[in-house]
Amino acid sequence: MITKNVTITSKNQITLPSEYVKLLQLTQSRVLRADLHDGKIVLTPQPPLGDVMKQFWKKHSAKRTLTESDITQAARNIAAERASRG
């Protein structure tokens, strides 16, 4: 286990130690889910949106041709699901 201290800014933001970012191969704009467990905050990287969309395409592409509306709705569904977790 690697332990580091982080500081909360005036805007309630934290900066992850670069060592963590490198070890977890996190990229800019990567979504992390924050869960509160027994007074502890647990951050879990979520799959990149591109990976989620690839899974969606793989699941649905054989059934029928997807329209732009289908893709837009899928992106909205994914965003809503992520927001409901948070």
Protein backbone atom coordinates (compact mmCIF):
# COMPACT_ATOMS: atom_id res chain seq x y z
CA MET A 1 0.00 0.00 0.00
CA ILE A 2 1.24 3.46 -0.93
CA THR A 3 0.04 6.27 1.32
CA LYS A 4 0.21 9.96 0.40
CA ASN A 5 -1.41 13.07 1.86
CA VAL A 6 -3.48 15.34 -0.36
CA THR A 7 -4.89 18.79 0.39
CA ILE A 8 -8.40 20.05 -0.34
CA THR A 9 -8.35 23.41 -2.16
CA SER A 10 -10.73 26.32 -1.60
CA LYS A 11 -12.80 24.87 -4.48
CA ASN A 12 -13.03 21.44 -2.78
CA GLN A 13 -10.62 19.90 -5.26
CA ILE A 14 -7.70 17.57 -4.66
CA THR A 15 -4.70 16.73 -6.77
CA LEU A 16 -3.79 13.08 -7.04
CA PRO A 17 -0.11 12.32 -6.52
CA SER A 18 1.61 11.81 -9.88
CA GLU A 19 2.80 8.39 -8.69
CA TYR A 20 -0.83 7.24 -8.40
CA VAL A 21 -1.71 8.66 -11.81
CA LYS A 22 1.19 6.82 -13.41
CA LEU A 23 0.59 3.53 -11.61
CA LEU A 24 -3.11 3.52 -12.54
CA GLN A 25 -2.46 4.90 -16.04
CA LEU A 26 -5.01 7.66 -15.51
CA THR A 27 -5.45 10.30 -18.18
CA GLN A 28 -6.89 13.81 -18.19
CA SER A 29 -10.70 13.88 -17.88
CA ARG A 30 -10.81 10.24 -16.69
CA VAL A 31 -13.85 9.66 -14.51
CA LEU A 32 -13.33 8.38 -10.97
CA ARG A 33 -16.26 7.14 -8.89
CA ALA A 34 -16.15 8.38 -5.29
CA ASP A 35 -17.73 6.10 -2.68
CA LEU A 36 -18.04 6.85 1.02
CA HIS A 37 -17.43 3.74 3.18
CA ASP A 38 -17.22 3.93 6.96
CA GLY A 39 -15.96 7.51 6.91
CA LYS A 40 -13.42 6.83 4.14
CA ILE A 41 -13.51 8.08 0.56
CA VAL A 42 -12.71 5.39 -1.99
CA LEU A 43 -11.93 6.53 -5.56
CA THR A 44 -12.37 3.95 -8.33
CA PRO A 45 -11.38 4.65 -11.95
CA GLN A 46 -14.27 4.11 -14.32
CA PRO A 47 -13.81 2.71 -17.82
CA PRO A 48 -13.01 5.40 -20.40
CA LEU A 49 -16.08 6.41 -22.42
CA GLY A 50 -14.43 5.06 -25.58
CA ASP A 51 -14.22 1.59 -24.03
CA VAL A 52 -17.85 1.76 -22.94
CA MET A 53 -18.91 2.79 -26.44
CA LYS A 54 -16.89 -0.05 -27.99
CA GLN A 55 -18.74 -2.51 -25.75
CA PHE A 56 -22.03 -0.92 -26.77
CA TRP A 57 -21.16 -1.19 -30.46
CA LYS A 58 -20.05 -4.80 -30.09
CA LYS A 59 -23.28 -5.67 -28.31
CA HIS A 60 -25.63 -3.89 -30.71
CA SER A 61 -23.92 -3.73 -34.12
CA ALA A 62 -24.82 -7.27 -35.18
CA LYS A 63 -28.53 -6.69 -34.51
CA ARG A 64 -29.06 -3.64 -36.71
CA THR A 65 -27.40 -0.54 -38.07
CA LEU A 66 -27.12 2.15 -35.40
CA THR A 67 -28.35 5.63 -36.16
CA GLU A 68 -26.89 8.88 -34.86
CA SER A 69 -29.89 9.03 -32.53
CA ASP A 70 -29.02 5.57 -31.14
CA ILE A 71 -25.47 6.69 -30.42
CA THR A 72 -26.60 9.94 -28.80
CA GLN A 73 -29.09 8.07 -26.62
CA ALA A 74 -26.43 5.54 -25.59
CA ALA A 75 -24.09 8.36 -24.55
CA ARG A 76 -26.90 9.98 -22.54
CA ASN A 77 -27.70 6.67 -20.85
CA ILE A 78 -24.07 6.18 -19.89
CA ALA A 79 -23.82 9.73 -18.52
CA ALA A 80 -27.04 9.29 -16.52
CA GLU A 81 -25.82 5.97 -15.11
CA ARG A 82 -22.52 7.53 -14.04
CA ALA A 83 -24.33 10.49 -12.47
CA SER A 84 -26.69 8.25 -10.52
CA ARG A 85 -23.73 6.44 -8.94
CA GLY A 86 -22.23 9.64 -7.67
